[in-house]
């Protein structure tokens, strides 16, 4: 329950390894777990650059740098994934896997509709 429906942003970032990815916005912060991020086609999603990868056998963790200095993303993928460091890729955030947190870091109800363009 703590992992799948955290009630606070602190718990969402504390439970799980690697921790949940966060994208701060004005009224809300979006959260998405590394295993729920998807690699997208160039120009579709968040543009990022692959900084390094951690191959663990059954899984590979891809570590990305986004546009901002503090914009870091981790994606969990198949263990056979092997991409060149420095690759520019897009990350897609599936709406059904997003967590929303308000300015105080409290989880917002899932009934909130998102418009992701």
PDB file of N, CA and C in Angstrom:
ATOM      1  N   UNK A   1       0.837  -1.190   0.000  1.00  0.00           N
ATOM      2  CA  UNK A   1       0.000   0.000   0.000  1.00  0.00           C
ATOM      3  C   UNK A   1       0.885   1.258   0.000  1.00  0.00           C
ATOM      4  N   UNK A   2       1.934   1.265   0.829  1.00  0.00           N
ATOM      5  CA  UNK A   2       2.845   2.416   0.869  1.00  0.00           C
ATOM      6  C   UNK A   2       3.528   2.646  -0.473  1.00  0.00           C
ATOM      7  N   UNK A   3       3.863   1.571  -1.137  1.00  0.00           N
ATOM      8  CA  UNK A   3       4.560   1.684  -2.420  1.00  0.00           C
ATOM      9  C   UNK A   3       3.624   2.153  -3.528  1.00  0.00           C
ATOM     10  N   UNK A   4       2.429   1.560  -3.597  1.00  0.00           N
ATOM     11  CA  UNK A   4       1.514   1.839  -4.702  1.00  0.00           C
ATOM     12  C   UNK A   4       0.640   3.070  -4.499  1.00  0.00           C
ATOM     13  N   UNK A   5       0.368   3.423  -3.255  1.00  0.00           N
ATOM     14  CA  UNK A   5      -0.494   4.580  -2.975  1.00  0.00           C
ATOM     15  C   UNK A   5       0.069   5.395  -1.817  1.00  0.00           C
ATOM     16  N   UNK A   6       1.262   5.954  -1.976  1.00  0.00           N
ATOM     17  CA  UNK A   6       1.830   6.745  -0.878  1.00  0.00           C
ATOM     18  C   UNK A   6       0.982   7.975  -0.596  1.00  0.00           C
ATOM     19  N   UNK A   7       0.835   8.296   0.672  1.00  0.00           N
ATOM     20  CA  UNK A   7       0.012   9.450   1.052  1.00  0.00           C
ATOM     21  C   UNK A   7       0.785  10.754   1.072  1.00  0.00           C
ATOM     22  N   UNK A   8       2.118  10.662   1.051  1.00  0.00           N
ATOM     23  CA  UNK A   8       2.930  11.874   1.024  1.00  0.00           C
ATOM     24  C   UNK A   8       4.072  11.709   0.017  1.00  0.00           C
ATOM     25  N   UNK A   9       4.583  12.825  -0.443  1.00  0.00           N
ATOM     26  CA  UNK A   9       5.714  12.819  -1.370  1.00  0.00           C
ATOM     27  C   UNK A   9       6.956  12.259  -0.679  1.00  0.00           C
ATOM     28  N   UNK A  10       7.106  12.533   0.611  1.00  0.00           N
ATOM     29  CA  UNK A  10       8.251  12.003   1.348  1.00  0.00           C
ATOM     30  C   UNK A  10       8.256  10.476   1.300  1.00  0.00           C
ATOM     31  N   UNK A  11       7.121   9.863   1.600  1.00  0.00           N
ATOM     32  CA  UNK A  11       7.029   8.401   1.594  1.00  0.00           C
ATOM     33  C   UNK A  11       7.261   7.866   0.186  1.00  0.00           C
ATOM     34  N   UNK A  12       6.695   8.533  -0.819  1.00  0.00           N
ATOM     35  CA  UNK A  12       6.872   8.102  -2.206  1.00  0.00           C
ATOM     36  C   UNK A  12       8.345   8.084  -2.600  1.00  0.00           C
ATOM     37  N   UNK A  13       9.108   9.050  -2.122  1.00  0.00           N
ATOM     38  CA  UNK A  13      10.528   9.110  -2.435  1.00  0.00           C
ATOM     39  C   UNK A  13      11.374   8.203  -1.571  1.00  0.00           C
ATOM     40  N   UNK A  14      10.859   7.832  -0.411  1.00  0.00           N
ATOM     41  CA  UNK A  14      11.611   7.012   0.542  1.00  0.00           C
ATOM     42  C   UNK A  14      11.473   5.519   0.242  1.00  0.00           C
ATOM     43  N   UNK A  15      10.268   5.107  -0.151  1.00  0.00           N
ATOM     44  CA  UNK A  15       9.989   3.690  -0.410  1.00  0.00           C
ATOM     45  C   UNK A  15      10.318   3.383  -1.866  1.00  0.00           C
ATOM     46  N   UNK A  16      11.118   2.359  -2.081  1.00  0.00           N
ATOM     47  CA  UNK A  16      11.481   1.949  -3.436  1.00  0.00           C
ATOM     48  C   UNK A  16      12.918   2.318  -3.748  1.00  0.00           C
ATOM     49  N   UNK A  17      13.522   1.476  -4.581  1.00  0.00           N
ATOM     50  CA  UNK A  17      14.898   1.729  -4.975  1.00  0.00           C
ATOM     51  C   UNK A  17      15.056   1.326  -6.435  1.00  0.00           C
ATOM     52  N   UNK A  18      15.420   2.270  -7.285  1.00  0.00           N
ATOM     53  CA  UNK A  18      15.633   3.679  -6.985  1.00  0.00           C
ATOM     54  C   UNK A  18      14.309   4.365  -6.649  1.00  0.00           C
ATOM     55  N   UNK A  19      14.441   5.538  -6.073  1.00  0.00           N
ATOM     56  CA  UNK A  19      13.263   6.257  -5.594  1.00  0.00           C
ATOM     57  C   UNK A  19      12.398   6.747  -6.748  1.00  0.00           C
ATOM     58  N   UNK A  20      11.198   7.201  -6.412  1.00  0.00           N
ATOM     59  CA  UNK A  20      10.272   7.735  -7.401  1.00  0.00           C
ATOM     60  C   UNK A  20      10.870   8.978  -8.055  1.00  0.00           C
ATOM     61  N   UNK A  21      10.606   9.159  -9.341  1.00  0.00           N
ATOM     62  CA  UNK A  21      10.989  10.375 -10.071  1.00  0.00           C
ATOM     63  C   UNK A  21       9.960  11.459  -9.785  1.00  0.00           C
ATOM     64  N   UNK A  22      10.402  12.700  -9.636  1.00  0.00           N
ATOM     65  CA  UNK A  22       9.496  13.812  -9.375  1.00  0.00           C
ATOM     66  C   UNK A  22       9.713  14.915 -10.404  1.00  0.00           C
ATOM     67  N   UNK A  23       8.609  15.498 -10.846  1.00  0.00           N
ATOM     68  CA  UNK A  23       8.636  16.636 -11.750  1.00  0.00           C
ATOM     69  C   UNK A  23       7.847  17.755 -11.092  1.00  0.00           C
ATOM     70  N   UNK A  24       8.551  18.734 -10.475  1.00  0.00           N
ATOM     71  CA  UNK A  24       7.845  19.826  -9.806  1.00  0.00           C
ATOM     72  C   UNK A  24       7.135  20.729 -10.808  1.00  0.00           C
ATOM     73  N   UNK A  25       5.929  21.126 -10.440  1.00  0.00           N
ATOM     74  CA  UNK A  25       5.155  22.074 -11.237  1.00  0.00           C
ATOM     75  C   UNK A  25       4.740  23.220 -10.334  1.00  0.00           C
ATOM     76  N   UNK A  26       3.799  24.030 -10.783  1.00  0.00           N
ATOM     77  CA  UNK A  26       3.347  25.147  -9.933  1.00  0.00           C
ATOM     78  C   UNK A  26       2.466  24.643  -8.795  1.00  0.00           C
ATOM     79  N   UNK A  27       1.233  24.188  -9.075  1.00  0.00           N
ATOM     80  CA  UNK A  27       0.383  23.757  -7.959  1.00  0.00           C
ATOM     81  C   UNK A  27       0.589  22.297  -7.553  1.00  0.00           C
ATOM     82  N   UNK A  28       1.219  21.495  -8.406  1.00  0.00           N
ATOM     83  CA  UNK A  28       1.394  20.074  -8.097  1.00  0.00           C
ATOM     84  C   UNK A  28       2.792  19.603  -8.483  1.00  0.00           C
ATOM     85  N   UNK A  29       3.162  18.474  -7.903  1.00  0.00           N
ATOM     86  CA  UNK A  29       4.367  17.756  -8.299  1.00  0.00           C
ATOM     87  C   UNK A  29       3.915  16.401  -8.820  1.00  0.00           C
ATOM     88  N   UNK A  30       4.404  16.038  -9.990  1.00  0.00           N
ATOM     89  CA  UNK A  30       4.100  14.729 -10.554  1.00  0.00           C
ATOM     90  C   UNK A  30       5.157  13.740 -10.090  1.00  0.00           C
ATOM     91  N   UNK A  31       4.722  12.542  -9.789  1.00  0.00           N
ATOM     92  CA  UNK A  31       5.648  11.478  -9.425  1.00  0.00           C
ATOM     93  C   UNK A  31       5.388  10.261 -10.292  1.00  0.00           C
ATOM     94  N   UNK A  32       6.459   9.573 -10.684  1.00  0.00           N
ATOM     95  CA  UNK A  32       6.326   8.340 -11.454  1.00  0.00           C
ATOM     96  C   UNK A  32       7.490   7.427 -11.096  1.00  0.00           C
ATOM     97  N   UNK A  33       7.193   6.170 -10.866  1.00  0.00           N
ATOM     98  CA  UNK A  33       8.222   5.195 -10.499  1.00  0.00           C
ATOM     99  C   UNK A  33       9.067   4.828 -11.720  1.00  0.00           C
ATOM    100  N   UNK A  34      10.344   4.470 -11.502  1.00  0.00           N
ATOM    101  CA  UNK A  34      11.249   4.135 -12.614  1.00  0.00           C
ATOM    102  C   UNK A  34      10.722   3.034 -13.531  1.00  0.00           C
ATOM    103  N   UNK A  35       9.997   2.064 -12.985  1.00  0.00           N
ATOM    104  CA  UNK A  35       9.492   0.969 -13.813  1.00  0.00           C
ATOM    105  C   UNK A  35       8.275   1.361 -14.647  1.00  0.00           C
ATOM    106  N   UNK A  36       7.712   2.548 -14.399  1.00  0.00           N
ATOM    107  CA  UNK A  36       6.546   2.991 -15.153  1.00  0.00           C
ATOM    108  C   UNK A  36       6.892   3.995 -16.255  1.00  0.00           C
ATOM    109  N   UNK A  37       8.091   4.568 -16.217  1.00  0.00           N
ATOM    110  CA  UNK A  37       8.518   5.455 -17.308  1.00  0.00           C
ATOM    111  C   UNK A  37       8.728   4.631 -18.570  1.00  0.00           C
ATOM    112  N   UNK A  38       8.466   5.256 -19.714  1.00  0.00           N
ATOM    113  CA  UNK A  38       8.645   4.572 -20.992  1.00  0.00           C
ATOM    114  C   UNK A  38       9.564   5.390 -21.885  1.00  0.00           C
ATOM    115  N   UNK A  39      10.354   4.697 -22.699  1.00  0.00           N
ATOM    116  CA  UNK A  39      11.152   5.384 -23.708  1.00  0.00           C
ATOM    117  C   UNK A  39      10.231   5.734 -24.860  1.00  0.00           C
ATOM    118  N   UNK A  40      10.250   6.997 -25.260  1.00  0.00           N
ATOM    119  CA  UNK A  40       9.393   7.448 -26.354  1.00  0.00           C
ATOM    120  C   UNK A  40      10.201   7.791 -27.578  1.00  0.00           C
ATOM    121  N   UNK A  41       9.496   8.117 -28.633  1.00  0.00           N
ATOM    122  CA  UNK A  41      10.147   8.565 -29.865  1.00  0.00           C
ATOM    123  C   UNK A  41      10.637   9.991 -29.681  1.00  0.00           C
ATOM    124  N   UNK A  42      11.679  10.345 -30.391  1.00  0.00           N
ATOM    125  CA  UNK A  42      12.225  11.703 -30.312  1.00  0.00           C
ATOM    126  C   UNK A  42      11.120  12.717 -30.568  1.00  0.00           C
ATOM    127  N   UNK A  43      11.054  13.721 -29.721  1.00  0.00           N
ATOM    128  CA  UNK A  43      10.065  14.774 -29.863  1.00  0.00           C
ATOM    129  C   UNK A  43       8.734  14.469 -29.200  1.00  0.00           C
ATOM    130  N   UNK A  44       8.590  13.285 -28.613  1.00  0.00           N
ATOM    131  CA  UNK A  44       7.344  12.918 -27.941  1.00  0.00           C
ATOM    132  C   UNK A  44       7.646  12.626 -26.478  1.00  0.00           C
ATOM    133  N   UNK A  45       7.423  13.589 -25.621  1.00  0.00           N
ATOM    134  CA  UNK A  45       7.675  13.388 -24.208  1.00  0.00           C
ATOM    135  C   UNK A  45       8.739  14.331 -23.699  1.00  0.00           C
ATOM    136  N   UNK A  46       9.362  13.953 -22.589  1.00  0.00           N
ATOM    137  CA  UNK A  46      10.408  14.763 -21.977  1.00  0.00           C
ATOM    138  C   UNK A  46      11.745  14.446 -22.633  1.00  0.00           C
ATOM    139  N   UNK A  47      12.354  15.450 -23.220  1.00  0.00           N
ATOM    140  CA  UNK A  47      13.645  15.264 -23.879  1.00  0.00           C
ATOM    141  C   UNK A  47      14.744  15.152 -22.822  1.00  0.00           C
ATOM    142  N   UNK A  48      15.515  14.084 -22.887  1.00  0.00           N
ATOM    143  CA  UNK A  48      16.567  13.833 -21.904  1.00  0.00           C
ATOM    144  C   UNK A  48      17.802  13.260 -22.589  1.00  0.00           C
ATOM    145  N   UNK A  49      18.904  13.304 -21.856  1.00  0.00           N
ATOM    146  CA  UNK A  49      20.150  12.722 -22.351  1.00  0.00           C
ATOM    147  C   UNK A  49      20.593  11.640 -21.381  1.00  0.00           C
ATOM    148  N   UNK A  50      20.933  10.468 -21.912  1.00  0.00           N
ATOM    149  CA  UNK A  50      21.387   9.355 -21.096  1.00  0.00           C
ATOM    150  C   UNK A  50      22.766   9.657 -20.528  1.00  0.00           C
ATOM    151  N   UNK A  51      22.881   9.668 -19.205  1.00  0.00           N
ATOM    152  CA  UNK A  51      24.153   9.964 -18.537  1.00  0.00           C
ATOM    153  C   UNK A  51      24.924   8.698 -18.184  1.00  0.00           C
ATOM    154  N   UNK A  52      24.234   7.678 -17.728  1.00  0.00           N
ATOM    155  CA  UNK A  52      24.884   6.397 -17.461  1.00  0.00           C
ATOM    156  C   UNK A  52      23.820   5.337 -17.317  1.00  0.00           C
ATOM    157  N   UNK A  53      24.259   4.088 -17.350  1.00  0.00           N
ATOM    158  CA  UNK A  53      23.343   2.972 -17.159  1.00  0.00           C
ATOM    159  C   UNK A  53      23.954   1.984 -16.182  1.00  0.00           C
ATOM    160  N   UNK A  54      23.071   1.321 -15.472  1.00  0.00           N
ATOM    161  CA  UNK A  54      23.479   0.345 -14.465  1.00  0.00           C
ATOM    162  C   UNK A  54      22.831  -0.981 -14.843  1.00  0.00           C
ATOM    163  N   UNK A  55      23.628  -1.900 -15.330  1.00  0.00           N
ATOM    164  CA  UNK A  55      23.126  -3.204 -15.781  1.00  0.00           C
ATOM    165  C   UNK A  55      23.237  -4.193 -14.630  1.00  0.00           C
ATOM    166  N   UNK A  56      22.072  -4.737 -14.227  1.00  0.00           N
ATOM    167  CA  UNK A  56      22.011  -5.601 -13.050  1.00  0.00           C
ATOM    168  C   UNK A  56      21.591  -7.033 -13.372  1.00  0.00           C
ATOM    169  N   UNK A  57      21.654  -7.440 -14.603  1.00  0.00           N
ATOM    170  CA  UNK A  57      21.242  -8.787 -14.985  1.00  0.00           C
ATOM    171  C   UNK A  57      19.816  -8.800 -15.495  1.00  0.00           C
ATOM    172  N   UNK A  58      18.848  -8.890 -14.588  1.00  0.00           N
ATOM    173  CA  UNK A  58      17.447  -8.945 -15.011  1.00  0.00           C
ATOM    174  C   UNK A  58      16.862  -7.569 -15.303  1.00  0.00           C
ATOM    175  N   UNK A  59      17.545  -6.518 -14.910  1.00  0.00           N
ATOM    176  CA  UNK A  59      17.065  -5.148 -15.136  1.00  0.00           C
ATOM    177  C   UNK A  59      18.238  -4.235 -15.436  1.00  0.00           C
ATOM    178  N   UNK A  60      17.939  -3.174 -16.154  1.00  0.00           N
ATOM    179  CA  UNK A  60      18.914  -2.117 -16.404  1.00  0.00           C
ATOM    180  C   UNK A  60      18.279  -0.810 -15.969  1.00  0.00           C
ATOM    181  N   UNK A  61      19.016  -0.020 -15.201  1.00  0.00           N
ATOM    182  CA  UNK A  61      18.557   1.310 -14.813  1.00  0.00           C
ATOM    183  C   UNK A  61      19.255   2.320 -15.704  1.00  0.00           C
ATOM    184  N   UNK A  62      18.447   3.154 -16.358  1.00  0.00           N
ATOM    185  CA  UNK A  62      18.971   4.206 -17.205  1.00  0.00           C
ATOM    186  C   UNK A  62      18.810   5.525 -16.460  1.00  0.00           C
ATOM    187  N   UNK A  63      19.890   6.287 -16.355  1.00  0.00           N
ATOM    188  CA  UNK A  63      19.895   7.560 -15.627  1.00  0.00           C
ATOM    189  C   UNK A  63      19.995   8.688 -16.641  1.00  0.00           C
ATOM    190  N   UNK A  64      19.007   9.575 -16.604  1.00  0.00           N
ATOM    191  CA  UNK A  64      18.902  10.653 -17.570  1.00  0.00           C
ATOM    192  C   UNK A  64      19.039  12.014 -16.913  1.00  0.00           C
ATOM    193  N   UNK A  65      19.541  12.968 -17.683  1.00  0.00           N
ATOM    194  CA  UNK A  65      19.552  14.387 -17.320  1.00  0.00           C
ATOM    195  C   UNK A  65      18.579  15.071 -18.249  1.00  0.00           C
ATOM    196  N   UNK A  66      17.643  15.821 -17.660  1.00  0.00           N
ATOM    197  CA  UNK A  66      16.676  16.558 -18.472  1.00  0.00           C
ATOM    198  C   UNK A  66      17.188  17.950 -18.771  1.00  0.00           C
ATOM    199  N   UNK A  67      16.260  18.836 -19.067  1.00  0.00           N
ATOM    200  CA  UNK A  67      16.617  20.193 -19.439  1.00  0.00           C
ATOM    201  C   UNK A  67      17.136  21.041 -18.292  1.00  0.00           C
ATOM    202  N   UNK A  68      16.648  20.824 -17.080  1.00  0.00           N
ATOM    203  CA  UNK A  68      17.063  21.634 -15.939  1.00  0.00           C
ATOM    204  C   UNK A  68      18.213  21.007 -15.171  1.00  0.00           C
ATOM    205  N   UNK A  69      18.899  21.823 -14.396  1.00  0.00           N
ATOM    206  CA  UNK A  69      20.053  21.344 -13.614  1.00  0.00           C
ATOM    207  C   UNK A  69      19.657  20.234 -12.636  1.00  0.00           C
ATOM    208  N   UNK A  70      18.481  20.350 -12.014  1.00  0.00           N
ATOM    209  CA  UNK A  70      18.025  19.358 -11.049  1.00  0.00           C
ATOM    210  C   UNK A  70      17.076  18.331 -11.667  1.00  0.00           C
ATOM    211  N   UNK A  71      16.972  18.310 -12.973  1.00  0.00           N
ATOM    212  CA  UNK A  71      16.042  17.447 -13.681  1.00  0.00           C
ATOM    213  C   UNK A  71      16.717  16.102 -13.972  1.00  0.00           C
ATOM    214  N   UNK A  72      16.584  15.160 -13.037  1.00  0.00           N
ATOM    215  CA  UNK A  72      17.172  13.830 -13.171  1.00  0.00           C
ATOM    216  C   UNK A  72      16.056  12.797 -13.215  1.00  0.00           C
ATOM    217  N   UNK A  73      16.203  11.800 -14.057  1.00  0.00           N
ATOM    218  CA  UNK A  73      15.211  10.751 -14.207  1.00  0.00           C
ATOM    219  C   UNK A  73      15.886   9.395 -14.193  1.00  0.00           C
ATOM    220  N   UNK A  74      15.209   8.412 -13.616  1.00  0.00           N
ATOM    221  CA  UNK A  74      15.686   7.030 -13.635  1.00  0.00           C
ATOM    222  C   UNK A  74      14.587   6.179 -14.246  1.00  0.00           C
ATOM    223  N   UNK A  75      14.962   5.347 -15.201  1.00  0.00           N
ATOM    224  CA  UNK A  75      14.028   4.455 -15.869  1.00  0.00           C
ATOM    225  C   UNK A  75      14.512   3.030 -15.677  1.00  0.00           C
ATOM    226  N   UNK A  76      13.623   2.144 -15.247  1.00  0.00           N
ATOM    227  CA  UNK A  76      13.958   0.723 -15.132  1.00  0.00           C
ATOM    228  C   UNK A  76      13.460   0.032 -16.386  1.00  0.00           C
ATOM    229  N   UNK A  77      14.345  -0.740 -17.017  1.00  0.00           N
ATOM    230  CA  UNK A  77      13.995  -1.423 -18.250  1.00  0.00           C
ATOM    231  C   UNK A  77      14.556  -2.838 -18.236  1.00  0.00           C
ATOM    232  N   UNK A  78      14.371  -3.544 -19.300  1.00  0.00           N
ATOM    233  CA  UNK A  78      14.829  -4.919 -19.451  1.00  0.00           C
ATOM    234  C   UNK A  78      16.349  -5.008 -19.281  1.00  0.00           C
ATOM    235  N   UNK A  79      16.809  -6.096 -18.726  1.00  0.00           N
ATOM    236  CA  UNK A  79      18.234  -6.277 -18.477  1.00  0.00           C
ATOM    237  C   UNK A  79      19.091  -6.336 -19.719  1.00  0.00           C
ATOM    238  N   UNK A  80      18.495  -6.571 -20.866  1.00  0.00           N
ATOM    239  CA  UNK A  80      19.263  -6.624 -22.118  1.00  0.00           C
ATOM    240  C   UNK A  80      19.451  -5.263 -22.761  1.00  0.00           C
ATOM    241  N   UNK A  81      18.818  -4.242 -22.205  1.00  0.00           N
ATOM    242  CA  UNK A  81      18.916  -2.902 -22.776  1.00  0.00           C
ATOM    243  C   UNK A  81      20.343  -2.388 -22.653  1.00  0.00           C
ATOM    244  N   UNK A  82      20.866  -1.884 -23.744  1.00  0.00           N
ATOM    245  CA  UNK A  82      22.218  -1.322 -23.759  1.00  0.00           C
ATOM    246  C   UNK A  82      22.231  -0.169 -24.756  1.00  0.00           C
ATOM    247  N   UNK A  83      22.162   1.048 -24.240  1.00  0.00           N
ATOM    248  CA  UNK A  83      22.131   2.244 -25.086  1.00  0.00           C
ATOM    249  C   UNK A  83      23.425   3.029 -24.925  1.00  0.00           C
ATOM    250  N   UNK A  84      23.866   3.730 -25.947  1.00  0.00           N
ATOM    251  CA  UNK A  84      25.086   4.523 -25.829  1.00  0.00           C
ATOM    252  C   UNK A  84      24.884   5.709 -24.878  1.00  0.00           C
ATOM    253  N   UNK A  85      25.821   5.873 -23.956  1.00  0.00           N
ATOM    254  CA  UNK A  85      25.801   7.039 -23.077  1.00  0.00           C
ATOM    255  C   UNK A  85      25.889   8.285 -23.944  1.00  0.00           C
ATOM    256  N   UNK A  86      25.104   9.279 -23.610  1.00  0.00           N
ATOM    257  CA  UNK A  86      25.049  10.497 -24.404  1.00  0.00           C
ATOM    258  C   UNK A  86      23.861  10.533 -25.347  1.00  0.00           C
ATOM    259  N   UNK A  87      23.180   9.402 -25.510  1.00  0.00           N
ATOM    260  CA  UNK A  87      22.012   9.352 -26.397  1.00  0.00           C
ATOM    261  C   UNK A  87      20.953  10.338 -25.933  1.00  0.00           C
ATOM    262  N   UNK A  88      20.316  11.013 -26.889  1.00  0.00           N
ATOM    263  CA  UNK A  88      19.195  11.908 -26.600  1.00  0.00           C
ATOM    264  C   UNK A  88      17.920  11.137 -26.891  1.00  0.00           C
ATOM    265  N   UNK A  89      17.095  11.010 -25.852  1.00  0.00           N
ATOM    266  CA  UNK A  89      15.868  10.227 -25.949  1.00  0.00           C
ATOM    267  C   UNK A  89      14.721  10.997 -25.320  1.00  0.00           C
ATOM    268  N   UNK A  90      13.520  10.497 -25.526  1.00  0.00           N
ATOM    269  CA  UNK A  90      12.339  11.073 -24.892  1.00  0.00           C
ATOM    270  C   UNK A  90      11.784  10.083 -23.873  1.00  0.00           C
ATOM    271  N   UNK A  91      11.322  10.603 -22.770  1.00  0.00           N
ATOM    272  CA  UNK A  91      10.666   9.790 -21.755  1.00  0.00           C
ATOM    273  C   UNK A  91       9.182  10.116 -21.763  1.00  0.00           C
ATOM    274  N   UNK A  92       8.371   9.082 -21.707  1.00  0.00           N
ATOM    275  CA  UNK A  92       6.924   9.238 -21.682  1.00  0.00           C
ATOM    276  C   UNK A  92       6.420   8.875 -20.296  1.00  0.00           C
ATOM    277  N   UNK A  93       5.526   9.721 -19.785  1.00  0.00           N
ATOM    278  CA  UNK A  93       4.926   9.494 -18.469  1.00  0.00           C
ATOM    279  C   UNK A  93       3.492   9.017 -18.676  1.00  0.00           C
ATOM    280  N   UNK A  94       3.216   7.719 -18.495  1.00  0.00           N
ATOM    281  CA  UNK A  94       1.858   7.230 -18.699  1.00  0.00           C
ATOM    282  C   UNK A  94       0.917   7.804 -17.635  1.00  0.00           C
ATOM    283  N   UNK A  95      -0.177   8.450 -18.052  1.00  0.00           N
ATOM    284  CA  UNK A  95      -1.076   9.096 -17.090  1.00  0.00           C
ATOM    285  C   UNK A  95      -1.581   8.176 -15.993  1.00  0.00           C
ATOM    286  N   UNK A  96      -1.839   6.915 -16.305  1.00  0.00           N
ATOM    287  CA  UNK A  96      -2.380   5.992 -15.304  1.00  0.00           C
ATOM    288  C   UNK A  96      -1.359   5.638 -14.216  1.00  0.00           C
ATOM    289  N   UNK A  97      -0.076   5.922 -14.452  1.00  0.00           N
ATOM    290  CA  UNK A  97       0.966   5.586 -13.477  1.00  0.00           C
ATOM    291  C   UNK A  97       1.444   6.792 -12.674  1.00  0.00           C
ATOM    292  N   UNK A  98       0.880   7.972 -12.945  1.00  0.00           N
ATOM    293  CA  UNK A  98       1.331   9.186 -12.267  1.00  0.00           C
ATOM    294  C   UNK A  98       0.749   9.315 -10.864  1.00  0.00           C
ATOM    295  N   UNK A  99       1.544   9.886  -9.993  1.00  0.00           N
ATOM    296  CA  UNK A  99       1.109  10.258  -8.649  1.00  0.00           C
ATOM    297  C   UNK A  99       1.142  11.781  -8.595  1.00  0.00           C
ATOM    298  N   UNK A 100       0.179  12.361  -7.936  1.00  0.00           N
ATOM    299  CA  UNK A 100       0.111  13.812  -7.796  1.00  0.00           C
ATOM    300  C   UNK A 100       0.245  14.198  -6.336  1.00  0.00           C
ATOM    301  N   UNK A 101       1.053  15.227  -6.089  1.00  0.00           N
ATOM    302  CA  UNK A 101       1.250  15.736  -4.731  1.00  0.00           C
ATOM    303  C   UNK A 101       1.039  17.236  -4.738  1.00  0.00           C
ATOM    304  N   UNK A 102       0.364  17.741  -3.687  1.00  0.00           N
ATOM    305  CA  UNK A 102       0.112  19.182  -3.616  1.00  0.00           C
ATOM    306  C   UNK A 102       1.341  19.906  -3.075  1.00  0.00           C
ATOM    307  N   UNK A 103       1.226  21.202  -2.884  1.00  0.00           N
ATOM    308  CA  UNK A 103       2.367  22.016  -2.433  1.00  0.00           C
ATOM    309  C   UNK A 103       2.899  21.589  -1.069  1.00  0.00           C
ATOM    310  N   UNK A 104       2.049  20.984  -0.255  1.00  0.00           N
ATOM    311  CA  UNK A 104       2.475  20.518   1.069  1.00  0.00           C
ATOM    312  C   UNK A 104       3.034  19.092   1.020  1.00  0.00           C
ATOM    313  N   UNK A 105       3.061  18.503  -0.168  1.00  0.00           N
ATOM    314  CA  UNK A 105       3.599  17.155  -0.315  1.00  0.00           C
ATOM    315  C   UNK A 105       2.594  16.061  -0.016  1.00  0.00           C
ATOM    316  N   UNK A 106       1.311  16.411   0.062  1.00  0.00           N
ATOM    317  CA  UNK A 106       0.265  15.416   0.325  1.00  0.00           C
ATOM    318  C   UNK A 106      -0.284  14.881  -0.985  1.00  0.00           C
ATOM    319  N   UNK A 107      -0.567  13.580  -1.009  1.00  0.00           N
ATOM    320  CA  UNK A 107      -1.112  12.960  -2.215  1.00  0.00           C
ATOM    321  C   UNK A 107      -2.469  13.553  -2.533  1.00  0.00           C
ATOM    322  N   UNK A 108      -2.691  13.784  -3.810  1.00  0.00           N
ATOM    323  CA  UNK A 108      -3.976  14.293  -4.279  1.00  0.00           C
ATOM    324  C   UNK A 108      -4.800  13.108  -4.784  1.00  0.00           C
ATOM    325  N   UNK A 109      -6.115  13.221  -4.739  1.00  0.00           N
ATOM    326  CA  UNK A 109      -6.962  12.101  -5.192  1.00  0.00           C
ATOM    327  C   UNK A 109      -6.721  11.775  -6.661  1.00  0.00           C
ATOM    328  N   UNK A 110      -6.857  10.526  -6.993  1.00  0.00           N
ATOM    329  CA  UNK A 110      -6.655  10.082  -8.374  1.00  0.00           C
ATOM    330  C   UNK A 110      -7.766  10.541  -9.301  1.00  0.00           C
ATOM    331  N   UNK A 111      -8.804  11.135  -8.768  1.00  0.00           N
ATOM    332  CA  UNK A 111      -9.896  11.602  -9.614  1.00  0.00           C
ATOM    333  C   UNK A 111      -9.533  12.879 -10.346  1.00  0.00           C
ATOM    334  N   UNK A 112      -8.399  13.481  -9.993  1.00  0.00           N
ATOM    335  CA  UNK A 112      -7.948  14.689 -10.687  1.00  0.00           C
ATOM    336  C   UNK A 112      -7.562  14.306 -12.111  1.00  0.00           C
ATOM    337  N   UNK A 113      -8.132  14.984 -13.081  1.00  0.00           N
ATOM    338  CA  UNK A 113      -7.826  14.714 -14.480  1.00  0.00           C
ATOM    339  C   UNK A 113      -6.588  15.481 -14.921  1.00  0.00           C
ATOM    340  N   UNK A 114      -5.755  14.842 -15.723  1.00  0.00           N
ATOM    341  CA  UNK A 114      -4.533  15.460 -16.223  1.00  0.00           C
ATOM    342  C   UNK A 114      -4.636  15.670 -17.724  1.00  0.00           C
ATOM    343  N   UNK A 115      -4.114  16.765 -18.167  1.00  0.00           N
ATOM    344  CA  UNK A 115      -3.996  17.019 -19.610  1.00  0.00           C
ATOM    345  C   UNK A 115      -2.513  17.130 -19.920  1.00  0.00           C
ATOM    346  N   UNK A 116      -1.946  16.071 -20.428  1.00  0.00           N
ATOM    347  CA  UNK A 116      -0.523  16.067 -20.763  1.00  0.00           C
ATOM    348  C   UNK A 116      -0.372  16.214 -22.267  1.00  0.00           C
ATOM    349  N   UNK A 117       0.180  17.308 -22.684  1.00  0.00           N
ATOM    350  CA  UNK A 117       0.392  17.538 -24.123  1.00  0.00           C
ATOM    351  C   UNK A 117       1.840  17.291 -24.481  1.00  0.00           C
TER     352      UNK A 117
END
